[in-house]
Amino acid sequence: MAERNGYILHGRVVHGKGAGHRHGMPTANLSCDAGMELPPLGVYGGYALADGQRWIGVTNVGPRPSDDDSPAVTVETLLLDFSGDLYDRELTLELRFYLRPIRRFSGGLDEVRAQVALDAAETRRLLAAEAETPLAKAADLR
């Protein structure tokens, strides 16, 4: 079950390894400056904002054990319903829900794609449910 969170991350979109793009799951990689405070490692659902636009996103905070064995922590977000280029632009991530821990997928790329699809569907569901709360509806009346 997803846990409600309220983490905000902000930084510049930088080039990663390009693996997500090569496999049809392009991500926006956020620059992580030394000393940047990060939430606990894991996969989060929420929003990404850039240039006055907002997209639903699924964000991985941590290493990528299915991609490489590097312990390096990265912040990369799959923006749902987005196509384009955000390189060198400022991006703000609103991590609203902790979805799951990071794990290695031994079933190859198909297993990764299946899990990403589940994460995306769960994020959409949680954000839609959040928008239906009385507090969210009252905020829309302003």
N, C-alpha and C. Protein backbone atom coordinates (compact mmCIF):
# COMPACT_ATOMS: atom_id res chain seq x y z
N MET A 1 0.84 -1.18 0.00
CA MET A 1 0.00 0.00 0.00
C MET A 1 0.89 1.25 0.00
N ALA A 2 0.52 2.22 -0.79
CA ALA A 2 1.31 3.45 -0.91
C ALA A 2 1.17 4.30 0.34
N GLU A 3 2.24 4.96 0.71
CA GLU A 3 2.25 5.88 1.84
C GLU A 3 2.24 7.30 1.32
N ARG A 4 1.45 8.17 1.95
CA ARG A 4 1.38 9.58 1.57
C ARG A 4 2.67 10.27 2.02
N ASN A 5 3.26 11.06 1.15
CA ASN A 5 4.48 11.79 1.44
C ASN A 5 4.32 13.24 1.01
N GLY A 6 5.34 14.01 1.24
CA GLY A 6 5.31 15.40 0.82
C GLY A 6 6.68 15.93 0.50
N TYR A 7 7.47 15.17 -0.21
CA TYR A 7 8.82 15.60 -0.55
C TYR A 7 8.82 16.46 -1.80
N ILE A 8 9.61 17.53 -1.78
CA ILE A 8 9.80 18.40 -2.94
C ILE A 8 11.28 18.38 -3.28
N LEU A 9 11.60 18.10 -4.52
CA LEU A 9 12.98 18.13 -5.01
C LEU A 9 13.03 19.11 -6.18
N HIS A 10 14.14 19.82 -6.28
CA HIS A 10 14.27 20.80 -7.35
C HIS A 10 15.71 20.75 -7.89
N GLY A 11 15.82 20.81 -9.21
CA GLY A 11 17.14 20.82 -9.81
C GLY A 11 17.06 20.94 -11.31
N ARG A 12 18.20 20.81 -11.93
CA ARG A 12 18.31 20.90 -13.39
C ARG A 12 18.27 19.49 -13.98
N VAL A 13 17.61 19.37 -15.13
CA VAL A 13 17.57 18.08 -15.84
C VAL A 13 18.90 17.89 -16.56
N VAL A 14 19.53 16.76 -16.29
CA VAL A 14 20.83 16.45 -16.88
C VAL A 14 20.74 15.17 -17.69
N HIS A 15 21.74 14.95 -18.52
CA HIS A 15 21.80 13.72 -19.30
C HIS A 15 22.18 12.57 -18.39
N GLY A 16 21.48 11.45 -18.54
CA GLY A 16 21.83 10.24 -17.83
C GLY A 16 22.55 9.30 -18.79
N LYS A 17 22.38 8.01 -18.56
CA LYS A 17 23.02 7.01 -19.42
C LYS A 17 22.25 6.78 -20.71
N GLY A 18 21.00 7.23 -20.77
CA GLY A 18 20.20 7.05 -21.97
C GLY A 18 19.50 5.70 -22.06
N ALA A 19 19.62 4.87 -21.02
CA ALA A 19 19.02 3.53 -21.07
C ALA A 19 17.50 3.60 -21.16
N GLY A 20 16.89 4.49 -20.37
CA GLY A 20 15.43 4.62 -20.41
C GLY A 20 14.94 5.00 -21.79
N HIS A 21 15.61 5.94 -22.41
CA HIS A 21 15.24 6.38 -23.76
C HIS A 21 15.38 5.23 -24.77
N ARG A 22 16.48 4.50 -24.67
CA ARG A 22 16.72 3.38 -25.60
C ARG A 22 15.65 2.30 -25.47
N HIS A 23 15.07 2.18 -24.28
CA HIS A 23 14.10 1.10 -24.03
C HIS A 23 12.66 1.60 -24.01
N GLY A 24 12.44 2.81 -24.52
CA GLY A 24 11.07 3.31 -24.64
C GLY A 24 10.48 3.84 -23.33
N MET A 25 11.32 4.11 -22.34
CA MET A 25 10.86 4.66 -21.06
C MET A 25 11.77 5.83 -20.68
N PRO A 26 11.75 6.92 -21.47
CA PRO A 26 12.67 8.02 -21.19
C PRO A 26 12.37 8.69 -19.85
N THR A 27 13.43 9.04 -19.15
CA THR A 27 13.27 9.69 -17.85
C THR A 27 13.98 11.03 -17.85
N ALA A 28 13.51 11.90 -16.98
CA ALA A 28 14.19 13.17 -16.72
C ALA A 28 15.06 12.94 -15.50
N ASN A 29 16.37 13.08 -15.67
CA ASN A 29 17.33 12.86 -14.59
C ASN A 29 17.63 14.20 -13.92
N LEU A 30 17.37 14.26 -12.63
CA LEU A 30 17.58 15.49 -11.87
C LEU A 30 19.01 15.52 -11.35
N SER A 31 19.66 16.66 -11.51
CA SER A 31 21.01 16.79 -10.95
C SER A 31 20.91 16.74 -9.44
N CYS A 32 21.80 15.98 -8.83
CA CYS A 32 21.81 15.84 -7.36
C CYS A 32 23.10 16.46 -6.85
N ASP A 33 23.01 17.67 -6.39
CA ASP A 33 24.18 18.35 -5.85
C ASP A 33 24.59 17.70 -4.53
N ALA A 34 25.87 17.75 -4.24
CA ALA A 34 26.37 17.23 -2.97
C ALA A 34 25.63 17.94 -1.84
N GLY A 35 25.18 17.17 -0.89
CA GLY A 35 24.46 17.74 0.25
C GLY A 35 22.97 17.91 0.02
N MET A 36 22.48 17.59 -1.18
CA MET A 36 21.05 17.69 -1.46
C MET A 36 20.32 16.67 -0.59
N GLU A 37 19.34 17.14 0.15
CA GLU A 37 18.57 16.24 1.01
C GLU A 37 17.57 15.47 0.16
N LEU A 38 17.66 14.15 0.25
CA LEU A 38 16.78 13.28 -0.53
C LEU A 38 15.86 12.50 0.41
N PRO A 39 14.71 12.09 -0.09
CA PRO A 39 13.84 11.25 0.72
C PRO A 39 14.43 9.84 0.81
N PRO A 40 13.84 8.98 1.61
CA PRO A 40 14.31 7.59 1.64
C PRO A 40 14.29 6.98 0.23
N LEU A 41 15.23 6.08 -0.03
CA LEU A 41 15.31 5.45 -1.35
C LEU A 41 14.02 4.70 -1.65
N GLY A 42 13.62 4.74 -2.91
CA GLY A 42 12.41 4.04 -3.32
C GLY A 42 11.82 4.64 -4.57
N VAL A 43 10.62 4.18 -4.89
CA VAL A 43 9.88 4.65 -6.06
C VAL A 43 8.66 5.43 -5.57
N TYR A 44 8.48 6.62 -6.14
CA TYR A 44 7.44 7.55 -5.71
C TYR A 44 6.54 7.94 -6.86
N GLY A 45 5.31 8.26 -6.55
CA GLY A 45 4.38 8.82 -7.52
C GLY A 45 4.08 10.26 -7.16
N GLY A 46 3.89 11.09 -8.16
CA GLY A 46 3.58 12.49 -7.89
C GLY A 46 3.54 13.30 -9.16
N TYR A 47 4.04 14.52 -9.05
CA TYR A 47 4.02 15.45 -10.16
C TYR A 47 5.42 15.98 -10.47
N ALA A 48 5.60 16.39 -11.71
CA ALA A 48 6.80 17.09 -12.14
C ALA A 48 6.36 18.40 -12.77
N LEU A 49 7.05 19.48 -12.43
CA LEU A 49 6.69 20.80 -12.94
C LEU A 49 7.89 21.45 -13.60
N ALA A 50 7.65 22.01 -14.79
CA ALA A 50 8.69 22.75 -15.52
C ALA A 50 8.00 23.75 -16.44
N ASP A 51 8.55 24.93 -16.50
CA ASP A 51 8.06 25.96 -17.42
C ASP A 51 6.55 26.18 -17.32
N GLY A 52 6.02 26.13 -16.10
CA GLY A 52 4.59 26.38 -15.89
C GLY A 52 3.68 25.23 -16.26
N GLN A 53 4.24 24.10 -16.60
CA GLN A 53 3.43 22.92 -16.93
C GLN A 53 3.64 21.85 -15.87
N ARG A 54 2.63 20.98 -15.71
CA ARG A 54 2.70 19.91 -14.73
C ARG A 54 2.30 18.58 -15.37
N TRP A 55 3.09 17.55 -15.05
CA TRP A 55 2.83 16.20 -15.54
C TRP A 55 2.82 15.24 -14.36
N ILE A 56 2.11 14.17 -14.52
CA ILE A 56 2.19 13.08 -13.55
C ILE A 56 3.50 12.36 -13.79
N GLY A 57 4.16 11.96 -12.71
CA GLY A 57 5.44 11.30 -12.85
C GLY A 57 5.65 10.17 -11.86
N VAL A 58 6.47 9.23 -12.24
CA VAL A 58 6.93 8.15 -11.38
C VAL A 58 8.44 8.33 -11.24
N THR A 59 8.89 8.49 -9.99
CA THR A 59 10.29 8.84 -9.72
C THR A 59 11.01 7.75 -8.96
N ASN A 60 12.18 7.39 -9.46
CA ASN A 60 13.08 6.46 -8.77
C ASN A 60 14.14 7.29 -8.06
N VAL A 61 14.23 7.11 -6.74
CA VAL A 61 15.27 7.77 -5.94
C VAL A 61 16.17 6.67 -5.41
N GLY A 62 17.36 6.56 -5.99
CA GLY A 62 18.29 5.52 -5.53
C GLY A 62 19.06 4.92 -6.68
N PRO A 63 19.69 3.79 -6.40
CA PRO A 63 20.44 3.10 -7.47
C PRO A 63 19.47 2.44 -8.44
N ARG A 64 20.03 1.91 -9.53
CA ARG A 64 19.23 1.23 -10.56
C ARG A 64 19.76 -0.20 -10.70
N PRO A 65 19.40 -1.08 -9.78
CA PRO A 65 20.01 -2.41 -9.76
C PRO A 65 19.70 -3.27 -10.99
N SER A 66 18.63 -2.97 -11.71
CA SER A 66 18.34 -3.75 -12.92
C SER A 66 19.10 -3.23 -14.13
N ASP A 67 19.65 -2.01 -14.01
CA ASP A 67 20.37 -1.39 -15.12
C ASP A 67 21.88 -1.55 -14.98
N ASP A 68 22.38 -1.38 -13.76
CA ASP A 68 23.80 -1.54 -13.52
C ASP A 68 24.02 -1.86 -12.04
N ASP A 69 25.20 -2.18 -11.67
CA ASP A 69 25.51 -2.53 -10.28
C ASP A 69 26.09 -1.36 -9.51
N SER A 70 26.01 -0.17 -10.06
CA SER A 70 26.57 1.00 -9.39
C SER A 70 25.72 1.36 -8.18
N PRO A 71 26.36 1.66 -7.05
CA PRO A 71 25.60 2.09 -5.88
C PRO A 71 25.20 3.57 -5.94
N ALA A 72 25.54 4.25 -7.01
CA ALA A 72 25.25 5.69 -7.13
C ALA A 72 23.75 5.94 -7.03
N VAL A 73 23.41 6.96 -6.26
CA VAL A 73 22.01 7.35 -6.10
C VAL A 73 21.66 8.35 -7.20
N THR A 74 20.59 8.06 -7.89
CA THR A 74 20.08 8.96 -8.93
C THR A 74 18.63 9.32 -8.62
N VAL A 75 18.17 10.40 -9.22
CA VAL A 75 16.77 10.80 -9.15
C VAL A 75 16.31 10.91 -10.59
N GLU A 76 15.46 9.97 -11.01
CA GLU A 76 14.99 10.01 -12.39
C GLU A 76 13.49 9.78 -12.42
N THR A 77 12.83 10.57 -13.27
CA THR A 77 11.37 10.57 -13.32
C THR A 77 10.87 10.26 -14.72
N LEU A 78 9.97 9.30 -14.79
CA LEU A 78 9.25 9.02 -16.02
C LEU A 78 8.03 9.92 -16.02
N LEU A 79 7.97 10.85 -16.96
CA LEU A 79 6.84 11.77 -17.06
C LEU A 79 5.76 11.13 -17.93
N LEU A 80 4.59 10.93 -17.37
CA LEU A 80 3.50 10.30 -18.11
C LEU A 80 2.87 11.33 -19.05
N ASP A 81 2.52 10.89 -20.23
CA ASP A 81 1.87 11.75 -21.23
C ASP A 81 2.73 12.94 -21.63
N PHE A 82 4.04 12.74 -21.65
CA PHE A 82 4.96 13.81 -22.05
C PHE A 82 5.83 13.32 -23.19
N SER A 83 6.07 14.21 -24.12
CA SER A 83 7.10 13.96 -25.12
C SER A 83 7.81 15.29 -25.34
N GLY A 84 9.09 15.22 -25.43
CA GLY A 84 9.85 16.46 -25.60
C GLY A 84 11.21 16.34 -24.96
N ASP A 85 11.80 17.49 -24.75
CA ASP A 85 13.17 17.57 -24.23
C ASP A 85 13.20 18.57 -23.09
N LEU A 86 13.64 18.14 -21.92
CA LEU A 86 13.75 19.02 -20.76
C LEU A 86 15.20 19.26 -20.34
N TYR A 87 16.15 18.81 -21.13
CA TYR A 87 17.56 18.96 -20.77
C TYR A 87 17.91 20.41 -20.47
N ASP A 88 18.65 20.60 -19.38
CA ASP A 88 19.14 21.90 -18.93
C ASP A 88 18.04 22.83 -18.43
N ARG A 89 16.83 22.30 -18.23
CA ARG A 89 15.75 23.11 -17.67
C ARG A 89 15.56 22.77 -16.21
N GLU A 90 15.01 23.70 -15.46
CA GLU A 90 14.73 23.49 -14.05
C GLU A 90 13.48 22.63 -13.91
N LEU A 91 13.54 21.67 -13.00
CA LEU A 91 12.42 20.75 -12.79
C LEU A 91 12.16 20.65 -11.29
N THR A 92 10.90 20.71 -10.92
CA THR A 92 10.50 20.51 -9.54
C THR A 92 9.68 19.24 -9.47
N LEU A 93 10.04 18.38 -8.53
CA LEU A 93 9.32 17.12 -8.33
C LEU A 93 8.55 17.19 -7.03
N GLU A 94 7.27 16.89 -7.09
CA GLU A 94 6.43 16.74 -5.91
C GLU A 94 6.21 15.25 -5.71
N LEU A 95 6.92 14.66 -4.78
CA LEU A 95 6.79 13.23 -4.52
C LEU A 95 5.67 13.04 -3.51
N ARG A 96 4.50 12.65 -3.98
CA ARG A 96 3.30 12.61 -3.14
C ARG A 96 3.10 11.27 -2.45
N PHE A 97 3.51 10.18 -3.11
CA PHE A 97 3.25 8.84 -2.58
C PHE A 97 4.48 7.96 -2.72
N TYR A 98 4.82 7.25 -1.65
CA TYR A 98 5.86 6.22 -1.72
C TYR A 98 5.16 4.97 -2.24
N LEU A 99 5.62 4.47 -3.39
CA LEU A 99 4.97 3.32 -4.01
C LEU A 99 5.57 1.99 -3.59
N ARG A 100 6.91 1.93 -3.58
CA ARG A 100 7.55 0.65 -3.28
C ARG A 100 9.06 0.84 -3.12
N PRO A 101 9.71 -0.16 -2.55
CA PRO A 101 11.18 -0.10 -2.47
C PRO A 101 11.80 -0.38 -3.84
N ILE A 102 13.05 -0.03 -3.97
CA ILE A 102 13.81 -0.36 -5.18
C ILE A 102 14.15 -1.83 -5.15
N ARG A 103 14.06 -2.47 -6.29
CA ARG A 103 14.44 -3.89 -6.34
C ARG A 103 15.03 -4.23 -7.69
N ARG A 104 15.76 -5.32 -7.71
CA ARG A 104 16.35 -5.82 -8.96
C ARG A 104 15.31 -6.69 -9.67
N PHE A 105 15.17 -6.50 -10.97
CA PHE A 105 14.26 -7.31 -11.77
C PHE A 105 15.09 -8.32 -12.55
N SER A 106 14.93 -9.58 -12.24
CA SER A 106 15.72 -10.61 -12.90
C SER A 106 15.07 -11.10 -14.19
N GLY A 107 13.82 -10.67 -14.43
CA GLY A 107 13.09 -11.13 -15.61
C GLY A 107 13.35 -10.31 -16.85
N GLY A 108 14.32 -9.43 -16.80
CA GLY A 108 14.67 -8.66 -17.99
C GLY A 108 13.79 -7.45 -18.20
N LEU A 109 13.93 -6.88 -19.37
CA LEU A 109 13.27 -5.63 -19.72
C LEU A 109 11.75 -5.75 -19.67
N ASP A 110 11.19 -6.89 -20.05
CA ASP A 110 9.73 -7.04 -20.01
C ASP A 110 9.20 -6.91 -18.58
N GLU A 111 9.93 -7.46 -17.63
CA GLU A 111 9.51 -7.35 -16.23
C GLU A 111 9.61 -5.89 -15.75
N VAL A 112 10.65 -5.20 -16.15
CA VAL A 112 10.79 -3.79 -15.78
C VAL A 112 9.63 -2.99 -16.37
N ARG A 113 9.33 -3.19 -17.65
CA ARG A 113 8.23 -2.46 -18.30
C ARG A 113 6.90 -2.74 -17.60
N ALA A 114 6.67 -3.99 -17.24
CA ALA A 114 5.42 -4.35 -16.56
C ALA A 114 5.31 -3.63 -15.21
N GLN A 115 6.40 -3.59 -14.46
CA GLN A 115 6.37 -2.91 -13.16
C GLN A 115 6.20 -1.41 -13.32
N VAL A 116 6.84 -0.81 -14.31
CA VAL A 116 6.68 0.62 -14.56
C VAL A 116 5.22 0.92 -14.91
N ALA A 117 4.60 0.07 -15.70
CA ALA A 117 3.18 0.26 -16.04
C ALA A 117 2.30 0.18 -14.79
N LEU A 118 2.61 -0.75 -13.89
CA LEU A 118 1.86 -0.85 -12.63
C LEU A 118 2.08 0.39 -11.77
N ASP A 119 3.33 0.85 -11.69
CA ASP A 119 3.64 2.06 -10.91
C ASP A 119 2.88 3.27 -11.49
N ALA A 120 2.85 3.39 -12.80
CA ALA A 120 2.16 4.51 -13.45
C ALA A 120 0.66 4.45 -13.17
N ALA A 121 0.07 3.28 -13.29
CA ALA A 121 -1.37 3.12 -13.04
C ALA A 121 -1.70 3.44 -11.58
N GLU A 122 -0.87 2.98 -10.66
CA GLU A 122 -1.10 3.24 -9.24
C GLU A 122 -0.96 4.73 -8.94
N THR A 123 0.00 5.38 -9.55
CA THR A 123 0.17 6.82 -9.36
C THR A 123 -1.05 7.57 -9.86
N ARG A 124 -1.53 7.24 -11.04
CA ARG A 124 -2.73 7.89 -11.58
C ARG A 124 -3.91 7.70 -10.64
N ARG A 125 -4.08 6.48 -10.14
CA ARG A 125 -5.20 6.16 -9.25
C ARG A 125 -5.10 6.97 -7.96
N LEU A 126 -3.93 6.99 -7.34
CA LEU A 126 -3.76 7.70 -6.08
C LEU A 126 -3.96 9.21 -6.24
N LEU A 127 -3.45 9.78 -7.32
CA LEU A 127 -3.62 11.22 -7.53
C LEU A 127 -5.06 11.57 -7.83
N ALA A 128 -5.77 10.71 -8.57
CA ALA A 128 -7.19 10.95 -8.84
C ALA A 128 -7.99 10.87 -7.54
N ALA A 129 -7.68 9.91 -6.68
CA ALA A 129 -8.38 9.78 -5.40
C ALA A 129 -8.09 10.98 -4.52
N GLU A 130 -6.84 11.45 -4.53
CA GLU A 130 -6.45 12.61 -3.74
C GLU A 130 -7.23 13.85 -4.19
N ALA A 131 -7.44 13.99 -5.49
CA ALA A 131 -8.15 15.15 -6.04
C ALA A 131 -9.62 15.15 -5.65
N GLU A 132 -10.14 13.99 -5.27
CA GLU A 132 -11.55 13.87 -4.90
C GLU A 132 -11.82 14.12 -3.42
N THR A 133 -10.79 14.37 -2.63
CA THR A 133 -11.00 14.60 -1.20
C THR A 133 -11.67 15.95 -0.99
N PRO A 134 -12.45 16.10 0.09
CA PRO A 134 -13.13 17.39 0.35
C PRO A 134 -12.16 18.57 0.42
N LEU A 135 -10.97 18.36 1.01
CA LEU A 135 -10.02 19.45 1.12
C LEU A 135 -9.52 19.89 -0.27
N ALA A 136 -9.24 18.91 -1.13
CA ALA A 136 -8.79 19.24 -2.48
C ALA A 136 -9.91 19.97 -3.26
N LYS A 137 -11.15 19.53 -3.10
CA LYS A 137 -12.25 20.19 -3.79
C LYS A 137 -12.43 21.61 -3.28
N ALA A 138 -12.29 21.83 -1.98
CA ALA A 138 -12.40 23.18 -1.42
C ALA A 138 -11.29 24.08 -1.95
N ALA A 139 -10.10 23.54 -2.11
CA ALA A 139 -8.98 24.34 -2.62
C ALA A 139 -9.24 24.78 -4.06
N ASP A 140 -9.97 23.96 -4.83
CA ASP A 140 -10.29 24.32 -6.21
C ASP A 140 -11.30 25.45 -6.31
N LEU A 141 -12.03 25.73 -5.23
CA LEU A 141 -13.05 26.76 -5.24
C LEU A 141 -12.48 28.16 -5.11
N ARG A 142 -11.23 28.27 -4.71
CA ARG A 142 -10.62 29.60 -4.51
C ARG A 142 -10.41 30.33 -5.80
